[in-house]
């Protein structure tokens, strides 16, 4: 424990008390006692030793590197997505051919990372608390479904539609859904009472909802945050 500076809540530095055992400190002012325990970080030869979320990686190191192959790949994937790092890498290799290869690889991975982000966003949405909304989903070019759901992300999965197919959403219960069905009854189509043609008045209503509430999942995030049922989500992670 030598060389460790321990401060008391009163602001003064605490002093080690050898007579009380290792790691024991006392404040000379308020006489408060604490025990300090710092686990030793043992570096295992030939192992990765990267610690993430309290767990140590025990994979074998790659030759000339301090990490295993799996973590080396993750580091490489991170580096190649950074424009500044790619530029430095291309400059250090001093060949345009390598730079072209890197750019091609980044483009090839672009769709993969986009799909991963969409998957994570869907999983986050499915884990959200219930939030009743009336939704407007485009099922085809000439068919819009007006329905109500407490879990909009799950409803998308059931209909096998994309997030961009949700044209709008508004806070509401079954009463609000019924009111909308009556409002646009003249546009009802097919054999399902919730399916409507994209008439001018319906599309204008959808545009007004979009202007008022924003994107459907942004509305859900905002409602749940204001109600304190989820923590504040950073802008870059919002759905």
C-alpha atoms as a PDB file:
ATOM      1  CA  UNK A   1       0.000   0.000   0.000  1.00  0.00           C
ATOM      2  CA  UNK A   2       3.023   2.302  -0.082  1.00  0.00           C
ATOM      3  CA  UNK A   3       2.727   5.416  -2.211  1.00  0.00           C
ATOM      4  CA  UNK A   4      -1.074   5.552  -2.037  1.00  0.00           C
ATOM      5  CA  UNK A   5      -2.655   8.911  -1.206  1.00  0.00           C
ATOM      6  CA  UNK A   6      -5.903   8.462   0.749  1.00  0.00           C
ATOM      7  CA  UNK A   7      -8.015  11.549   1.457  1.00  0.00           C
ATOM      8  CA  UNK A   8     -10.634  11.899   4.169  1.00  0.00           C
ATOM      9  CA  UNK A   9     -14.068  13.434   3.568  1.00  0.00           C
ATOM     10  CA  UNK A  10     -12.881  16.434   5.593  1.00  0.00           C
ATOM     11  CA  UNK A  11     -10.262  17.120   2.925  1.00  0.00           C
ATOM     12  CA  UNK A  12      -7.122  16.107   4.827  1.00  0.00           C
ATOM     13  CA  UNK A  13      -4.758  13.331   3.785  1.00  0.00           C
ATOM     14  CA  UNK A  14      -5.049  10.170   5.863  1.00  0.00           C
ATOM     15  CA  UNK A  15      -1.968   8.460   7.303  1.00  0.00           C
ATOM     16  CA  UNK A  16      -1.243   4.707   7.366  1.00  0.00           C
ATOM     17  CA  UNK A  17      -1.466   2.992  10.753  1.00  0.00           C
ATOM     18  CA  UNK A  18       0.951   0.054  10.599  1.00  0.00           C
ATOM     19  CA  UNK A  19      -0.041  -1.185  14.067  1.00  0.00           C
ATOM     20  CA  UNK A  20      -3.602  -1.833  12.835  1.00  0.00           C
ATOM     21  CA  UNK A  21      -2.531  -3.945   9.879  1.00  0.00           C
ATOM     22  CA  UNK A  22      -1.952  -3.448   6.138  1.00  0.00           C
ATOM     23  CA  UNK A  23      -4.195  -1.030   4.327  1.00  0.00           C
ATOM     24  CA  UNK A  24      -5.411   0.749   7.466  1.00  0.00           C
ATOM     25  CA  UNK A  25      -5.543   4.546   7.342  1.00  0.00           C
ATOM     26  CA  UNK A  26      -6.617   7.201   9.843  1.00  0.00           C
ATOM     27  CA  UNK A  27      -7.434  10.877   9.478  1.00  0.00           C
ATOM     28  CA  UNK A  28      -5.244  12.987  11.824  1.00  0.00           C
ATOM     29  CA  UNK A  29      -8.067  15.508  12.157  1.00  0.00           C
ATOM     30  CA  UNK A  30     -11.350  13.637  12.658  1.00  0.00           C
ATOM     31  CA  UNK A  31      -9.717  10.276  13.543  1.00  0.00           C
ATOM     32  CA  UNK A  32     -11.848   8.451  10.963  1.00  0.00           C
ATOM     33  CA  UNK A  33     -10.567   4.952  10.018  1.00  0.00           C
ATOM     34  CA  UNK A  34     -10.698   3.230   6.627  1.00  0.00           C
ATOM     35  CA  UNK A  35      -9.327   0.012   5.138  1.00  0.00           C
ATOM     36  CA  UNK A  36      -7.970   0.183   1.592  1.00  0.00           C
ATOM     37  CA  UNK A  37      -7.729  -2.989  -0.486  1.00  0.00           C
ATOM     38  CA  UNK A  38      -6.351  -2.915  -4.030  1.00  0.00           C
ATOM     39  CA  UNK A  39      -6.287  -6.251  -5.885  1.00  0.00           C
ATOM     40  CA  UNK A  40      -3.030  -6.959  -7.640  1.00  0.00           C
ATOM     41  CA  UNK A  41      -3.160  -6.899 -11.425  1.00  0.00           C
ATOM     42  CA  UNK A  42      -1.319 -10.021 -12.427  1.00  0.00           C
ATOM     43  CA  UNK A  43      -0.140 -10.033 -16.026  1.00  0.00           C
ATOM     44  CA  UNK A  44      -0.249 -13.559 -17.416  1.00  0.00           C
ATOM     45  CA  UNK A  45       2.411 -14.239 -20.058  1.00  0.00           C
ATOM     46  CA  UNK A  46       1.133 -15.124 -23.538  1.00  0.00           C
ATOM     47  CA  UNK A  47      -2.436 -14.105 -22.631  1.00  0.00           C
ATOM     48  CA  UNK A  48      -4.480 -11.127 -23.829  1.00  0.00           C
ATOM     49  CA  UNK A  49      -5.303  -9.857 -20.312  1.00  0.00           C
ATOM     50  CA  UNK A  50      -7.769  -7.233 -21.565  1.00  0.00           C
ATOM     51  CA  UNK A  51     -10.301  -6.552 -18.808  1.00  0.00           C
ATOM     52  CA  UNK A  52     -13.830  -5.657 -19.901  1.00  0.00           C
ATOM     53  CA  UNK A  53     -16.840  -5.382 -17.561  1.00  0.00           C
ATOM     54  CA  UNK A  54     -14.922  -7.048 -14.747  1.00  0.00           C
ATOM     55  CA  UNK A  55     -13.844 -10.083 -16.774  1.00  0.00           C
ATOM     56  CA  UNK A  56     -10.326 -10.785 -18.013  1.00  0.00           C
ATOM     57  CA  UNK A  57      -9.707 -12.194 -21.486  1.00  0.00           C
ATOM     58  CA  UNK A  58      -7.586 -15.347 -21.395  1.00  0.00           C
ATOM     59  CA  UNK A  59      -7.115 -15.725 -25.153  1.00  0.00           C
ATOM     60  CA  UNK A  60      -3.627 -16.330 -26.526  1.00  0.00           C
ATOM     61  CA  UNK A  61      -1.790 -13.214 -27.710  1.00  0.00           C
ATOM     62  CA  UNK A  62      -1.102 -12.603 -31.365  1.00  0.00           C
ATOM     63  CA  UNK A  63       2.609 -12.541 -32.135  1.00  0.00           C
ATOM     64  CA  UNK A  64       4.122  -9.042 -31.696  1.00  0.00           C
ATOM     65  CA  UNK A  65       0.860  -7.774 -30.139  1.00  0.00           C
ATOM     66  CA  UNK A  66      -0.379  -7.556 -26.554  1.00  0.00           C
ATOM     67  CA  UNK A  67      -3.905  -8.731 -27.386  1.00  0.00           C
ATOM     68  CA  UNK A  68      -5.556 -11.896 -28.694  1.00  0.00           C
ATOM     69  CA  UNK A  69      -6.771 -12.321 -32.269  1.00  0.00           C
ATOM     70  CA  UNK A  70     -10.418 -11.583 -31.377  1.00  0.00           C
ATOM     71  CA  UNK A  71      -9.567  -8.287 -29.693  1.00  0.00           C
ATOM     72  CA  UNK A  72      -7.072  -7.418 -32.445  1.00  0.00           C
ATOM     73  CA  UNK A  73      -9.900  -7.757 -34.977  1.00  0.00           C
ATOM     74  CA  UNK A  74     -12.194  -5.571 -32.851  1.00  0.00           C
ATOM     75  CA  UNK A  75      -9.476  -2.921 -32.575  1.00  0.00           C
ATOM     76  CA  UNK A  76      -8.915  -3.091 -36.323  1.00  0.00           C
ATOM     77  CA  UNK A  77     -12.648  -2.764 -37.033  1.00  0.00           C
ATOM     78  CA  UNK A  78     -12.818   0.303 -34.791  1.00  0.00           C
ATOM     79  CA  UNK A  79      -9.715   1.851 -36.361  1.00  0.00           C
ATOM     80  CA  UNK A  80     -10.809   1.307 -39.934  1.00  0.00           C
ATOM     81  CA  UNK A  81     -14.116   3.115 -39.277  1.00  0.00           C
ATOM     82  CA  UNK A  82     -12.264   6.252 -38.155  1.00  0.00           C
ATOM     83  CA  UNK A  83     -11.516   8.495 -41.130  1.00  0.00           C
ATOM     84  CA  UNK A  84      -8.498  10.120 -39.470  1.00  0.00           C
ATOM     85  CA  UNK A  85      -7.008   6.734 -38.528  1.00  0.00           C
ATOM     86  CA  UNK A  86      -7.540   5.401 -42.066  1.00  0.00           C
ATOM     87  CA  UNK A  87      -5.746   8.427 -43.481  1.00  0.00           C
ATOM     88  CA  UNK A  88      -2.781   7.970 -41.139  1.00  0.00           C
ATOM     89  CA  UNK A  89      -2.636   4.276 -41.949  1.00  0.00           C
ATOM     90  CA  UNK A  90      -2.621   4.950 -45.673  1.00  0.00           C
ATOM     91  CA  UNK A  91       0.104   7.597 -45.236  1.00  0.00           C
ATOM     92  CA  UNK A  92       2.253   5.257 -43.157  1.00  0.00           C
ATOM     93  CA  UNK A  93       1.973   2.523 -45.775  1.00  0.00           C
ATOM     94  CA  UNK A  94       2.618   5.130 -48.489  1.00  0.00           C
ATOM     95  CA  UNK A  95       0.719   3.246 -51.173  1.00  0.00           C
ATOM     96  CA  UNK A  96      -2.499   4.282 -52.859  1.00  0.00           C
ATOM     97  CA  UNK A  97      -3.337   0.632 -53.488  1.00  0.00           C
ATOM     98  CA  UNK A  98      -3.535  -0.030 -49.746  1.00  0.00           C
ATOM     99  CA  UNK A  99      -5.664   3.077 -49.274  1.00  0.00           C
ATOM    100  CA  UNK A 100      -8.059   1.838 -51.977  1.00  0.00           C
ATOM    101  CA  UNK A 101      -8.260  -1.552 -50.294  1.00  0.00           C
ATOM    102  CA  UNK A 102      -9.074   0.060 -46.962  1.00  0.00           C
ATOM    103  CA  UNK A 103     -11.788   2.214 -48.522  1.00  0.00           C
ATOM    104  CA  UNK A 104     -13.272  -0.823 -50.272  1.00  0.00           C
ATOM    105  CA  UNK A 105     -13.317  -2.751 -47.001  1.00  0.00           C
ATOM    106  CA  UNK A 106     -15.004   0.128 -45.185  1.00  0.00           C
ATOM    107  CA  UNK A 107     -17.705   0.275 -47.862  1.00  0.00           C
ATOM    108  CA  UNK A 108     -18.205  -3.480 -47.627  1.00  0.00           C
ATOM    109  CA  UNK A 109     -18.640  -3.237 -43.858  1.00  0.00           C
ATOM    110  CA  UNK A 110     -20.967  -0.246 -44.058  1.00  0.00           C
ATOM    111  CA  UNK A 111     -24.118  -2.315 -44.569  1.00  0.00           C
ATOM    112  CA  UNK A 112     -23.068  -4.699 -41.818  1.00  0.00           C
ATOM    113  CA  UNK A 113     -22.707  -1.944 -39.210  1.00  0.00           C
ATOM    114  CA  UNK A 114     -25.957  -0.342 -40.351  1.00  0.00           C
ATOM    115  CA  UNK A 115     -27.801  -3.639 -39.890  1.00  0.00           C
ATOM    116  CA  UNK A 116     -26.215  -4.096 -36.466  1.00  0.00           C
ATOM    117  CA  UNK A 117     -27.358  -0.630 -35.372  1.00  0.00           C
ATOM    118  CA  UNK A 118     -30.896  -1.321 -36.605  1.00  0.00           C
ATOM    119  CA  UNK A 119     -30.956  -4.670 -34.785  1.00  0.00           C
ATOM    120  CA  UNK A 120     -29.782  -3.094 -31.519  1.00  0.00           C
ATOM    121  CA  UNK A 121     -32.351  -0.307 -31.871  1.00  0.00           C
ATOM    122  CA  UNK A 122     -35.131  -2.892 -32.329  1.00  0.00           C
ATOM    123  CA  UNK A 123     -33.942  -4.890 -29.320  1.00  0.00           C
ATOM    124  CA  UNK A 124     -33.852  -1.738 -27.169  1.00  0.00           C
ATOM    125  CA  UNK A 125     -37.351  -0.809 -28.324  1.00  0.00           C
ATOM    126  CA  UNK A 126     -38.702  -4.273 -27.533  1.00  0.00           C
ATOM    127  CA  UNK A 127     -37.343  -4.028 -23.981  1.00  0.00           C
ATOM    128  CA  UNK A 128     -39.069  -0.677 -23.388  1.00  0.00           C
ATOM    129  CA  UNK A 129     -42.003  -0.343 -20.946  1.00  0.00           C
ATOM    130  CA  UNK A 130     -45.484  -0.216 -22.538  1.00  0.00           C
ATOM    131  CA  UNK A 131     -46.410   3.069 -24.204  1.00  0.00           C
ATOM    132  CA  UNK A 132     -49.903   3.178 -25.784  1.00  0.00           C
ATOM    133  CA  UNK A 133     -49.950   4.926 -29.163  1.00  0.00           C
ATOM    134  CA  UNK A 134     -52.170   5.018 -32.209  1.00  0.00           C
ATOM    135  CA  UNK A 135     -49.989   4.189 -35.213  1.00  0.00           C
ATOM    136  CA  UNK A 136     -50.277   4.678 -38.975  1.00  0.00           C
ATOM    137  CA  UNK A 137     -48.397   1.960 -40.867  1.00  0.00           C
ATOM    138  CA  UNK A 138     -48.077   1.748 -44.640  1.00  0.00           C
ATOM    139  CA  UNK A 139     -48.700  -1.897 -45.552  1.00  0.00           C
ATOM    140  CA  UNK A 140     -48.659  -1.270 -49.309  1.00  0.00           C
ATOM    141  CA  UNK A 141     -48.890   1.593 -51.778  1.00  0.00           C
ATOM    142  CA  UNK A 142     -52.690   1.723 -51.463  1.00  0.00           C
ATOM    143  CA  UNK A 143     -53.202   0.504 -47.890  1.00  0.00           C
ATOM    144  CA  UNK A 144     -52.540   2.212 -44.538  1.00  0.00           C
ATOM    145  CA  UNK A 145     -53.334   0.500 -41.251  1.00  0.00           C
ATOM    146  CA  UNK A 146     -54.548   2.565 -38.292  1.00  0.00           C
ATOM    147  CA  UNK A 147     -54.207   0.633 -35.045  1.00  0.00           C
ATOM    148  CA  UNK A 148     -53.291   0.879 -31.398  1.00  0.00           C
ATOM    149  CA  UNK A 149     -50.396  -0.804 -29.609  1.00  0.00           C
ATOM    150  CA  UNK A 150     -48.568  -0.606 -26.291  1.00  0.00           C
ATOM    151  CA  UNK A 151     -45.426  -2.068 -27.889  1.00  0.00           C
ATOM    152  CA  UNK A 152     -44.976  -0.544 -31.339  1.00  0.00           C
ATOM    153  CA  UNK A 153     -41.623  -2.242 -32.013  1.00  0.00           C
ATOM    154  CA  UNK A 154     -43.191  -5.670 -31.531  1.00  0.00           C
ATOM    155  CA  UNK A 155     -46.085  -4.730 -33.797  1.00  0.00           C
ATOM    156  CA  UNK A 156     -43.618  -3.892 -36.586  1.00  0.00           C
ATOM    157  CA  UNK A 157     -42.053  -7.302 -36.139  1.00  0.00           C
ATOM    158  CA  UNK A 158     -45.451  -8.982 -36.348  1.00  0.00           C
ATOM    159  CA  UNK A 159     -46.337  -7.120 -39.559  1.00  0.00           C
ATOM    160  CA  UNK A 160     -42.811  -7.628 -40.962  1.00  0.00           C
ATOM    161  CA  UNK A 161     -42.490  -3.982 -41.906  1.00  0.00           C
ATOM    162  CA  UNK A 162     -39.603  -1.556 -41.522  1.00  0.00           C
ATOM    163  CA  UNK A 163     -39.383   1.390 -39.160  1.00  0.00           C
ATOM    164  CA  UNK A 164     -39.721   3.820 -42.068  1.00  0.00           C
ATOM    165  CA  UNK A 165     -43.086   2.219 -42.914  1.00  0.00           C
ATOM    166  CA  UNK A 166     -44.511   3.698 -39.697  1.00  0.00           C
ATOM    167  CA  UNK A 167     -45.715   6.983 -41.116  1.00  0.00           C
ATOM    168  CA  UNK A 168     -46.754   8.551 -37.812  1.00  0.00           C
ATOM    169  CA  UNK A 169     -47.912   7.865 -34.258  1.00  0.00           C
ATOM    170  CA  UNK A 170     -49.802   9.764 -31.591  1.00  0.00           C
ATOM    171  CA  UNK A 171     -50.435   9.118 -27.890  1.00  0.00           C
ATOM    172  CA  UNK A 172     -53.757   7.347 -27.483  1.00  0.00           C
ATOM    173  CA  UNK A 173     -55.816   4.413 -26.246  1.00  0.00           C
ATOM    174  CA  UNK A 174     -58.458   2.274 -27.953  1.00  0.00           C
ATOM    175  CA  UNK A 175     -60.889   5.195 -27.691  1.00  0.00           C
ATOM    176  CA  UNK A 176     -58.553   7.360 -29.781  1.00  0.00           C
ATOM    177  CA  UNK A 177     -58.118   4.534 -32.267  1.00  0.00           C
ATOM    178  CA  UNK A 178     -61.897   4.181 -32.606  1.00  0.00           C
ATOM    179  CA  UNK A 179     -62.222   7.937 -33.113  1.00  0.00           C
ATOM    180  CA  UNK A 180     -59.709   7.824 -35.964  1.00  0.00           C
ATOM    181  CA  UNK A 181     -61.526   4.868 -37.541  1.00  0.00           C
ATOM    182  CA  UNK A 182     -64.749   6.882 -37.559  1.00  0.00           C
ATOM    183  CA  UNK A 183     -62.949   9.985 -38.828  1.00  0.00           C
ATOM    184  CA  UNK A 184     -61.581   8.167 -41.881  1.00  0.00           C
ATOM    185  CA  UNK A 185     -64.384   5.614 -42.337  1.00  0.00           C
ATOM    186  CA  UNK A 186     -64.984   6.875 -45.882  1.00  0.00           C
ATOM    187  CA  UNK A 187     -61.490   5.625 -46.798  1.00  0.00           C
ATOM    188  CA  UNK A 188     -61.878   2.113 -45.348  1.00  0.00           C
ATOM    189  CA  UNK A 189     -60.821  -0.562 -47.833  1.00  0.00           C
ATOM    190  CA  UNK A 190     -60.674  -4.348 -48.046  1.00  0.00           C
ATOM    191  CA  UNK A 191     -62.009  -6.795 -45.494  1.00  0.00           C
ATOM    192  CA  UNK A 192     -60.226  -5.323 -42.475  1.00  0.00           C
ATOM    193  CA  UNK A 193     -61.759  -2.470 -40.488  1.00  0.00           C
ATOM    194  CA  UNK A 194     -58.286  -1.026 -39.706  1.00  0.00           C
ATOM    195  CA  UNK A 195     -57.155  -0.727 -43.359  1.00  0.00           C
ATOM    196  CA  UNK A 196     -57.634   2.568 -45.195  1.00  0.00           C
ATOM    197  CA  UNK A 197     -56.810   4.086 -48.571  1.00  0.00           C
ATOM    198  CA  UNK A 198     -54.227   6.906 -48.525  1.00  0.00           C
ATOM    199  CA  UNK A 199     -56.717   9.702 -49.176  1.00  0.00           C
ATOM    200  CA  UNK A 200     -55.713  13.359 -49.121  1.00  0.00           C
ATOM    201  CA  UNK A 201     -57.287  14.058 -45.714  1.00  0.00           C
ATOM    202  CA  UNK A 202     -55.622  11.012 -44.147  1.00  0.00           C
ATOM    203  CA  UNK A 203     -52.219  11.901 -45.569  1.00  0.00           C
ATOM    204  CA  UNK A 204     -52.642  15.503 -44.377  1.00  0.00           C
ATOM    205  CA  UNK A 205     -53.508  14.232 -40.893  1.00  0.00           C
ATOM    206  CA  UNK A 206     -50.399  12.009 -40.913  1.00  0.00           C
ATOM    207  CA  UNK A 207     -48.233  14.979 -41.973  1.00  0.00           C
ATOM    208  CA  UNK A 208     -49.649  17.075 -39.106  1.00  0.00           C
ATOM    209  CA  UNK A 209     -48.906  14.307 -36.582  1.00  0.00           C
ATOM    210  CA  UNK A 210     -45.379  13.966 -37.931  1.00  0.00           C
ATOM    211  CA  UNK A 211     -44.816  17.718 -37.602  1.00  0.00           C
ATOM    212  CA  UNK A 212     -46.264  17.770 -34.078  1.00  0.00           C
ATOM    213  CA  UNK A 213     -44.741  14.603 -32.577  1.00  0.00           C
ATOM    214  CA  UNK A 214     -41.741  13.845 -34.795  1.00  0.00           C
ATOM    215  CA  UNK A 215     -40.739  10.294 -35.682  1.00  0.00           C
ATOM    216  CA  UNK A 216     -42.848   7.596 -33.963  1.00  0.00           C
ATOM    217  CA  UNK A 217     -40.043   6.082 -31.884  1.00  0.00           C
ATOM    218  CA  UNK A 218     -38.773   9.529 -30.925  1.00  0.00           C
ATOM    219  CA  UNK A 219     -42.278  10.219 -29.579  1.00  0.00           C
ATOM    220  CA  UNK A 220     -42.236   6.983 -27.541  1.00  0.00           C
ATOM    221  CA  UNK A 221     -38.771   7.750 -26.168  1.00  0.00           C
ATOM    222  CA  UNK A 222     -39.876  11.268 -25.198  1.00  0.00           C
ATOM    223  CA  UNK A 223     -43.053  10.042 -23.458  1.00  0.00           C
ATOM    224  CA  UNK A 224     -41.264   7.351 -21.455  1.00  0.00           C
ATOM    225  CA  UNK A 225     -38.464   9.749 -20.504  1.00  0.00           C
ATOM    226  CA  UNK A 226     -40.891  12.437 -19.330  1.00  0.00           C
ATOM    227  CA  UNK A 227     -42.756   9.843 -17.271  1.00  0.00           C
ATOM    228  CA  UNK A 228     -39.478   8.722 -15.693  1.00  0.00           C
ATOM    229  CA  UNK A 229     -39.875   5.121 -16.887  1.00  0.00           C
ATOM    230  CA  UNK A 230     -36.566   5.169 -18.747  1.00  0.00           C
ATOM    231  CA  UNK A 231     -33.407   7.218 -18.272  1.00  0.00           C
ATOM    232  CA  UNK A 232     -32.406  10.029 -20.583  1.00  0.00           C
ATOM    233  CA  UNK A 233     -31.016   8.574 -23.808  1.00  0.00           C
ATOM    234  CA  UNK A 234     -28.200  10.365 -25.654  1.00  0.00           C
ATOM    235  CA  UNK A 235     -29.201  11.804 -29.026  1.00  0.00           C
ATOM    236  CA  UNK A 236     -26.966   9.405 -30.932  1.00  0.00           C
ATOM    237  CA  UNK A 237     -28.673   6.418 -29.289  1.00  0.00           C
ATOM    238  CA  UNK A 238     -32.252   7.597 -29.688  1.00  0.00           C
ATOM    239  CA  UNK A 239     -34.425   5.452 -31.893  1.00  0.00           C
END
